[in-house]
Amino acid sequence: MATFHNIRVKDIYKETKDCSVITFDVPQELHQEFQFRQGQHLTLRKMIGGEDVRRTYSLCSNPSENEWKVAVKQIFEGKFSTFVNHELKAGDELEVMAPSGEFGVACDPSTPKNYIAFAAGSGITPVLSMIKAHLSQEPESTFKLFYLNRNSKSIIFKEEIEQLKNKYFDRFHIFYFLTKEKRDIEFLNGRFDKQKMDVLTKTFIDIQDTAHCFICGPEDMIFLIRDELQNAGLDKNKIHYELFVTGLTEADKERAQKAMESRVQGTEVTIIDGGKEFHFVMSDEYDNLLDGALAAGADLPFACKGGVCSTCKCEIKDGTVAMKVNYALDEKEVAQNLILSCQAVPTSDKIVLDFDV
């Protein structure tokens, strides 16, 4: 069941002109439920103009400090981000779901590790949480961050990053890349490309000594960096990413079309959630199981509805589906029969989905 809690906004401030940072006042009785690992996110909910609007935002705070903080960047015509950046104030309440998400790896104080990370814009939020956690909990580990922004004024958490650099001056190194402002060093101008990655992997990154790499940003940037790191010899299992989808690729469109072509009408669906069963028949009006279930009255967890956040993840116990797109589940999860219900088109007469995963 999608359990939201009314949480008071403890503080909200402008980090940049188009990005607000919210700190939530999570009550003591919810601290255990709201414990999180670096890289996880919160799902926020607000009725805006009569519409149930939900969005996921990565936590940017250190899990060990009992602080729940997210950054919300203004998106053009974004309903939730506009509300946060122009209306939300300290003392207000938002509906918040307990932290979730699989981005990142666990801290291990017993073994020194060398981490690298690539982030673009607001993609810094989960990465910042990782930097804080690994450097504070692993006293001999190192972190290198390659951070892309438009200009120096748009760098989210620049002051906090600089403070971390001063605190961990021998273990944390930051490299800023700008696209709309000239740096004195030409190499630091412009987006990541194959040439930059070639220089980085030969000069700044010790591939053989890299324990894990984290990437957060637009999909084209992520896939370029992922491929170049693998070409340089970094094991694909050491590369972890969370992306922002800026639009469907041609391959995505083709896959979605094939999924729709295999769709079965009138599927009988059983939902298992919170140990209880909910039954309904898919209406022709909806092409994915999540929307069909919500329209039938089910109360299920969801947020982005774009196949990115994995909030609507569930296990298919019986029947078959075809996912239109999948940006959130890895090969191992798919092999375990996990699906994104917001992207799952029914392809069998009967389906059983278990959300208690």
Protein backbone atom coordinates (compact mmCIF):
# COMPACT_ATOMS: atom_id res chain seq x y z
CA MET A 1 0.00 0.00 0.00
CA ALA A 2 1.19 3.51 -0.81
CA THR A 3 1.72 4.87 2.70
CA PHE A 4 2.24 8.63 2.87
CA HIS A 5 2.91 10.57 6.05
CA ASN A 6 2.14 14.23 6.64
CA ILE A 7 5.58 15.71 7.32
CA ARG A 8 6.23 19.31 8.30
CA VAL A 9 8.73 21.39 6.31
CA LYS A 10 11.39 22.34 8.83
CA ASP A 11 13.25 24.67 6.47
CA ILE A 12 13.29 25.70 2.82
CA TYR A 13 15.83 27.94 1.15
CA LYS A 14 17.08 28.90 -2.31
CA GLU A 15 20.31 27.10 -3.19
CA THR A 16 20.37 28.76 -6.63
CA LYS A 17 17.81 31.04 -8.28
CA ASP A 18 15.92 28.03 -9.69
CA CYS A 19 16.56 25.39 -7.02
CA SER A 20 15.06 25.12 -3.53
CA VAL A 21 16.28 22.83 -0.76
CA ILE A 22 13.70 21.35 1.62
CA THR A 23 14.52 19.94 5.05
CA PHE A 24 11.78 17.79 6.58
CA ASP A 25 11.00 17.61 10.28
CA VAL A 26 10.51 13.84 10.49
CA PRO A 27 8.99 13.05 13.91
CA GLN A 28 10.89 10.76 16.26
CA GLU A 29 8.32 7.97 15.94
CA LEU A 30 9.01 7.75 12.19
CA HIS A 31 12.82 7.84 12.36
CA GLN A 32 13.17 4.07 12.04
CA GLU A 33 10.78 3.85 9.08
CA PHE A 34 12.53 6.80 7.42
CA GLN A 35 16.08 5.47 7.80
CA PHE A 36 17.79 5.58 4.43
CA ARG A 37 20.91 4.64 2.54
CA GLN A 38 22.87 7.16 0.49
CA GLY A 39 21.44 7.32 -3.03
CA GLN A 40 17.82 6.75 -2.03
CA HIS A 41 14.94 9.15 -2.63
CA LEU A 42 11.69 10.44 -1.15
CA THR A 43 8.37 10.42 -2.96
CA LEU A 44 6.44 13.64 -2.27
CA ARG A 45 2.74 14.17 -2.85
CA LYS A 46 0.56 17.27 -3.07
CA MET A 47 -2.89 18.07 -4.42
CA ILE A 48 -2.26 20.90 -6.89
CA GLY A 49 -5.21 22.38 -8.74
CA GLY A 50 -7.29 19.34 -7.81
CA GLU A 51 -4.69 16.94 -9.22
CA ASP A 52 -2.78 14.30 -7.24
CA VAL A 53 0.80 15.25 -8.14
CA ARG A 54 3.70 13.01 -7.04
CA ARG A 55 7.41 13.40 -7.64
CA THR A 56 10.55 11.67 -6.40
CA TYR A 57 13.59 13.63 -5.22
CA SER A 58 16.91 12.18 -4.11
CA LEU A 59 18.05 12.74 -0.56
CA CYS A 60 21.21 14.85 -0.45
CA SER A 61 21.93 14.49 3.28
CA ASN A 62 24.18 12.09 5.17
CA PRO A 63 22.15 9.09 6.45
CA SER A 64 24.08 9.04 9.72
CA GLU A 65 22.98 12.58 10.64
CA ASN A 66 19.22 11.92 10.91
CA GLU A 67 18.45 14.69 8.43
CA TRP A 68 16.07 14.42 5.51
CA LYS A 69 16.87 16.98 2.85
CA VAL A 70 16.03 17.15 -0.89
CA ALA A 71 16.69 19.68 -3.64
CA VAL A 72 13.92 20.61 -6.09
CA LYS A 73 15.01 22.29 -9.29
CA GLN A 74 12.50 24.39 -11.23
CA ILE A 75 11.37 22.54 -14.36
CA PHE A 76 9.70 24.39 -17.23
CA GLU A 77 5.93 24.08 -16.66
CA GLY A 78 6.61 21.57 -13.87
CA LYS A 79 3.62 21.56 -11.52
CA PHE A 80 5.39 20.25 -8.44
CA SER A 81 8.67 22.10 -8.90
CA THR A 82 6.80 25.37 -9.50
CA PHE A 83 4.79 24.86 -6.31
CA VAL A 84 7.94 24.15 -4.28
CA ASN A 85 9.99 27.03 -5.68
CA HIS A 86 7.24 29.66 -5.50
CA GLU A 87 4.70 28.67 -2.83
CA LEU A 88 6.04 26.17 -0.29
CA LYS A 89 7.27 27.65 2.98
CA ALA A 90 8.61 26.48 6.34
CA GLY A 91 5.85 25.13 8.57
CA ASP A 92 3.81 23.76 5.67
CA GLU A 93 3.16 20.03 5.40
CA LEU A 94 3.73 17.67 2.49
CA GLU A 95 2.76 14.03 2.13
CA VAL A 96 5.97 12.00 2.10
CA MET A 97 6.60 8.31 1.52
CA ALA A 98 9.41 6.50 3.37
CA PRO A 99 12.78 6.48 1.53
CA SER A 100 13.28 3.95 -1.26
CA GLY A 101 15.53 3.27 -4.23
CA GLU A 102 18.48 1.06 -5.15
CA PHE A 103 21.05 3.62 -6.37
CA GLY A 104 24.40 3.35 -4.59
CA VAL A 105 26.28 0.76 -2.54
CA ALA A 106 26.62 0.07 1.18
CA CYS A 107 29.43 1.63 3.20
CA ASP A 108 32.21 -0.67 4.41
CA PRO A 109 34.56 0.98 6.93
CA SER A 110 36.83 -2.07 7.01
CA THR A 111 38.07 -1.72 3.43
CA PRO A 112 39.51 1.46 1.81
CA LYS A 113 38.01 2.16 -1.62
CA ASN A 114 38.45 4.69 -4.40
CA TYR A 115 35.17 6.05 -5.77
CA ILE A 116 34.45 8.25 -8.75
CA ALA A 117 31.25 10.06 -9.68
CA PHE A 118 29.87 12.04 -12.63
CA ALA A 119 26.92 14.39 -12.13
CA ALA A 120 25.11 17.03 -14.18
CA GLY A 121 23.04 19.81 -12.60
CA SER A 122 20.58 18.50 -10.02
CA GLY A 123 22.05 15.04 -10.54
CA ILE A 124 24.40 16.06 -7.74
CA THR A 125 21.75 15.36 -5.07
CA PRO A 126 22.15 11.57 -4.61
CA VAL A 127 25.87 11.81 -5.34
CA LEU A 128 26.34 14.40 -2.59
CA SER A 129 24.72 12.02 -0.11
CA MET A 130 27.11 9.29 -1.26
CA ILE A 131 30.16 11.51 -0.91
CA LYS A 132 29.20 12.50 2.63
CA ALA A 133 28.42 8.94 3.68
CA HIS A 134 31.44 7.17 2.21
CA LEU A 135 33.97 9.76 3.29
CA SER A 136 32.61 9.99 6.84
CA GLN A 137 32.07 6.26 7.37
CA GLU A 138 35.09 4.94 5.45
CA PRO A 139 38.06 6.87 6.90
CA GLU A 140 40.55 5.72 4.28
CA SER A 141 38.38 5.87 1.14
CA THR A 142 38.70 8.54 -1.57
CA PHE A 143 36.21 10.23 -3.89
CA LYS A 144 36.64 12.08 -7.19
CA LEU A 145 33.69 14.08 -8.50
CA PHE A 146 33.34 15.32 -12.09
CA TYR A 147 30.47 17.83 -12.01
CA LEU A 148 28.87 19.44 -15.10
CA ASN A 149 26.84 22.69 -15.00
CA ARG A 150 25.90 25.61 -17.23
CA ASN A 151 27.86 28.24 -15.31
CA SER A 152 29.32 28.85 -11.86
CA LYS A 153 26.12 30.47 -10.53
CA SER A 154 24.06 27.39 -11.42
CA ILE A 155 26.24 24.96 -9.45
CA ILE A 156 23.95 23.38 -6.85
CA PHE A 157 25.56 22.86 -3.43
CA LYS A 158 28.81 24.53 -4.49
CA GLU A 159 29.48 25.95 -1.02
CA GLU A 160 28.75 22.62 0.65
CA ILE A 161 30.99 20.79 -1.83
CA GLU A 162 33.81 23.23 -1.13
CA GLN A 163 33.39 22.66 2.60
CA LEU A 164 33.68 18.93 2.02
CA LYS A 165 36.80 19.50 -0.05
CA ASN A 166 38.35 21.45 2.83
CA LYS A 167 37.30 18.85 5.37
CA TYR A 168 38.60 15.90 3.33
CA PHE A 169 41.28 17.78 1.39
CA ASP A 170 43.45 14.68 0.87
CA ARG A 171 40.56 12.31 0.05
CA PHE A 172 38.04 14.32 -1.96
CA HIS A 173 38.77 15.97 -5.30
CA ILE A 174 36.29 17.99 -7.35
CA PHE A 175 36.48 18.93 -11.05
CA TYR A 176 33.91 21.46 -12.34
CA PHE A 177 32.95 21.43 -16.03
CA LEU A 178 30.93 24.35 -17.44
CA THR A 179 29.00 24.59 -20.73
CA LYS A 180 28.02 28.30 -20.81
CA GLU A 181 30.96 29.94 -19.07
CA LYS A 182 34.61 29.89 -20.11
CA ARG A 183 37.12 28.32 -17.76
CA ASP A 184 40.83 29.16 -17.89
CA ILE A 185 41.59 25.48 -18.50
CA GLU A 186 40.10 24.57 -21.88
CA PHE A 187 39.61 20.94 -20.89
CA LEU A 188 37.04 22.02 -18.26
CA ASN A 189 34.84 23.72 -20.88
CA GLY A 190 31.91 21.88 -22.45
CA ARG A 191 30.11 18.60 -21.96
CA PHE A 192 31.58 15.17 -21.44
CA ASP A 193 32.47 13.53 -24.74
CA LYS A 194 34.69 10.70 -25.95
CA GLN A 195 37.76 12.92 -26.09
CA LYS A 196 37.28 14.16 -22.51
CA MET A 197 36.63 10.63 -21.27
CA ASP A 198 39.79 9.42 -22.98
CA VAL A 199 41.81 12.06 -21.14
CA LEU A 200 40.07 11.37 -17.83
CA THR A 201 40.58 7.61 -17.97
CA LYS A 202 44.26 8.02 -18.87
CA THR A 203 45.12 10.90 -16.53
CA PHE A 204 42.66 11.46 -13.68
CA ILE A 205 41.05 8.05 -13.16
CA ASP A 206 42.87 4.89 -12.16
CA ILE A 207 40.55 2.34 -13.74
CA GLN A 208 42.16 -0.65 -12.05
CA ASP A 209 41.91 0.97 -8.62
CA THR A 210 38.31 2.22 -8.94
CA ALA A 211 35.92 0.38 -6.65
CA HIS A 212 32.69 1.96 -7.89
CA CYS A 213 31.52 4.70 -10.24
CA PHE A 214 28.24 6.61 -9.76
CA ILE A 215 26.62 8.61 -12.58
CA CYS A 216 23.53 10.81 -12.38
CA GLY A 217 22.23 13.02 -15.17
CA PRO A 218 20.63 12.89 -18.64
CA GLU A 219 20.56 9.48 -20.32
CA ASP A 220 22.81 10.46 -23.23
CA MET A 221 25.53 11.60 -20.82
CA ILE A 222 25.18 8.51 -18.66
CA PHE A 223 25.39 6.03 -21.52
CA LEU A 224 28.38 7.81 -23.06
CA ILE A 225 30.29 7.75 -19.75
CA ARG A 226 29.26 4.18 -19.02
CA ASP A 227 30.42 2.93 -22.40
CA GLU A 228 33.71 4.83 -22.31
CA LEU A 229 34.53 3.58 -18.81
CA GLN A 230 33.79 0.01 -19.87
CA ASN A 231 35.93 0.47 -22.97
CA ALA A 232 38.73 1.67 -20.69
CA GLY A 233 38.45 -1.53 -18.66
CA LEU A 234 36.09 -0.75 -15.78
CA ASP A 235 33.85 -3.70 -14.90
CA LYS A 236 30.22 -2.90 -15.79
CA ASN A 237 29.15 -4.20 -12.35
CA LYS A 238 31.11 -1.33 -10.78
CA ILE A 239 29.14 1.30 -12.74
CA HIS A 240 25.90 2.50 -11.11
CA TYR A 241 23.64 5.17 -12.54
CA GLU A 242 20.39 7.01 -12.13
CA LEU A 243 19.16 9.02 -15.08
CA PHE A 244 16.89 11.88 -16.04
CA VAL A 245 14.79 11.00 -19.08
CA THR A 246 14.63 13.91 -21.49
CA GLY A 247 12.63 12.12 -24.17
CA LEU A 248 12.10 8.72 -25.74
CA THR A 249 14.80 7.48 -28.09
CA GLU A 250 13.86 5.77 -31.35
CA ALA A 251 14.73 2.43 -29.74
CA ASP A 252 12.41 3.25 -26.82
CA LYS A 253 9.59 4.15 -29.20
CA GLU A 254 10.08 0.92 -31.13
CA ARG A 255 10.03 -1.14 -27.95
CA ALA A 256 6.90 0.64 -26.70
CA GLN A 257 5.18 0.02 -30.03
CA LYS A 258 6.01 -3.70 -29.88
CA ALA A 259 4.66 -3.88 -26.34
CA MET A 260 1.40 -2.30 -27.43
CA GLU A 261 1.10 -4.67 -30.38
CA SER A 262 1.27 -7.65 -27.99
CA ARG A 263 -1.36 -6.22 -25.62
CA VAL A 264 -4.24 -8.49 -24.54
CA GLN A 265 -7.61 -6.86 -23.92
CA GLY A 266 -9.75 -7.53 -20.84
CA THR A 267 -7.03 -9.09 -18.68
CA GLU A 268 -8.14 -10.30 -15.25
CA VAL A 269 -5.70 -8.84 -12.72
CA THR A 270 -4.99 -9.76 -9.11
CA ILE A 271 -2.99 -7.27 -7.03
CA ILE A 272 -1.30 -8.39 -3.81
CA ASP A 273 -0.47 -5.41 -1.63
CA GLY A 274 -0.07 -5.28 2.14
CA GLY A 275 -0.96 -8.97 2.32
CA LYS A 276 -4.40 -8.32 0.80
CA GLU A 277 -5.74 -9.11 -2.66
CA PHE A 278 -7.45 -6.70 -5.03
CA HIS A 279 -9.14 -7.96 -8.22
CA PHE A 280 -10.17 -6.07 -11.34
CA VAL A 281 -10.47 -6.40 -15.10
CA MET A 282 -8.33 -4.15 -17.30
CA SER A 283 -10.33 -1.49 -19.07
CA ASP A 284 -9.64 -0.73 -22.73
CA GLU A 285 -9.08 2.88 -21.64
CA TYR A 286 -5.72 2.09 -19.98
CA ASP A 287 -2.70 0.41 -21.52
CA ASN A 288 -0.58 -0.19 -18.40
CA LEU A 289 -1.34 -2.13 -15.24
CA LEU A 290 -0.69 0.72 -12.82
CA ASP A 291 -3.20 3.09 -14.42
CA GLY A 292 -5.70 0.27 -14.79
CA ALA A 293 -5.38 -0.62 -11.11
CA LEU A 294 -5.61 2.99 -9.93
CA ALA A 295 -8.72 3.57 -12.05
CA ALA A 296 -10.28 0.45 -10.49
CA GLY A 297 -9.69 1.85 -7.00
CA ALA A 298 -6.40 0.30 -5.92
CA ASP A 299 -4.08 2.36 -3.69
CA LEU A 300 -0.62 1.60 -5.08
CA PRO A 301 2.77 3.32 -4.82
CA PHE A 302 3.84 5.39 -7.80
CA ALA A 303 5.59 8.64 -8.61
CA CYS A 304 7.09 9.49 -12.01
CA LYS A 305 5.03 7.14 -14.23
CA GLY A 306 7.93 7.34 -16.67
CA GLY A 307 9.78 4.12 -15.88
CA VAL A 308 12.56 5.95 -14.05
CA CYS A 309 12.00 6.00 -10.27
CA SER A 310 10.98 2.33 -9.65
CA THR A 311 8.43 3.41 -6.98
CA CYS A 312 5.80 1.25 -8.72
CA LYS A 313 8.04 -1.82 -8.85
CA CYS A 314 6.35 -5.18 -8.25
CA GLU A 315 6.83 -8.90 -8.91
CA ILE A 316 4.82 -10.71 -11.55
CA LYS A 317 3.71 -14.00 -9.96
CA ASP A 318 1.57 -15.26 -12.82
CA GLY A 319 0.94 -14.22 -16.39
CA THR A 320 3.04 -12.14 -18.76
CA VAL A 321 3.61 -8.46 -19.52
CA ALA A 322 5.69 -6.37 -21.91
CA MET A 323 7.31 -3.19 -20.57
CA LYS A 324 7.19 -0.19 -22.87
CA VAL A 325 10.38 1.30 -21.40
CA ASN A 326 12.59 0.41 -18.44
CA TYR A 327 15.09 2.90 -17.07
CA ALA A 328 15.05 1.68 -13.46
CA LEU A 329 15.44 -2.11 -13.25
CA ASP A 330 18.71 -3.87 -13.99
CA GLU A 331 19.11 -7.27 -15.68
CA LYS A 332 19.20 -9.12 -12.35
CA GLU A 333 15.92 -7.57 -11.20
CA VAL A 334 14.20 -8.33 -14.50
CA ALA A 335 15.43 -11.94 -14.23
CA GLN A 336 13.72 -12.06 -10.82
CA ASN A 337 10.38 -11.25 -12.52
CA LEU A 338 10.32 -7.67 -11.24
CA ILE A 339 8.52 -5.16 -13.44
CA LEU A 340 7.57 -1.49 -13.49
CA SER A 341 3.78 -1.51 -13.31
CA CYS A 342 3.56 1.95 -14.90
CA GLN A 343 5.18 0.53 -18.05
CA ALA A 344 3.70 -2.99 -17.97
CA VAL A 345 1.31 -3.81 -20.80
CA PRO A 346 -0.69 -7.02 -20.12
CA THR A 347 0.04 -9.81 -22.63
CA SER A 348 -1.92 -12.67 -21.01
CA ASP A 349 -5.54 -13.28 -20.01
CA LYS A 350 -4.72 -13.44 -16.29
CA ILE A 351 -2.02 -11.68 -14.27
CA VAL A 352 -1.03 -11.70 -10.60
CA LEU A 353 1.18 -8.86 -9.31
CA ASP A 354 2.81 -8.75 -5.88
CA PHE A 355 3.69 -5.27 -4.58
CA ASP A 356 5.01 -6.66 -1.28
CA VAL A 357 8.60 -6.79 -2.57
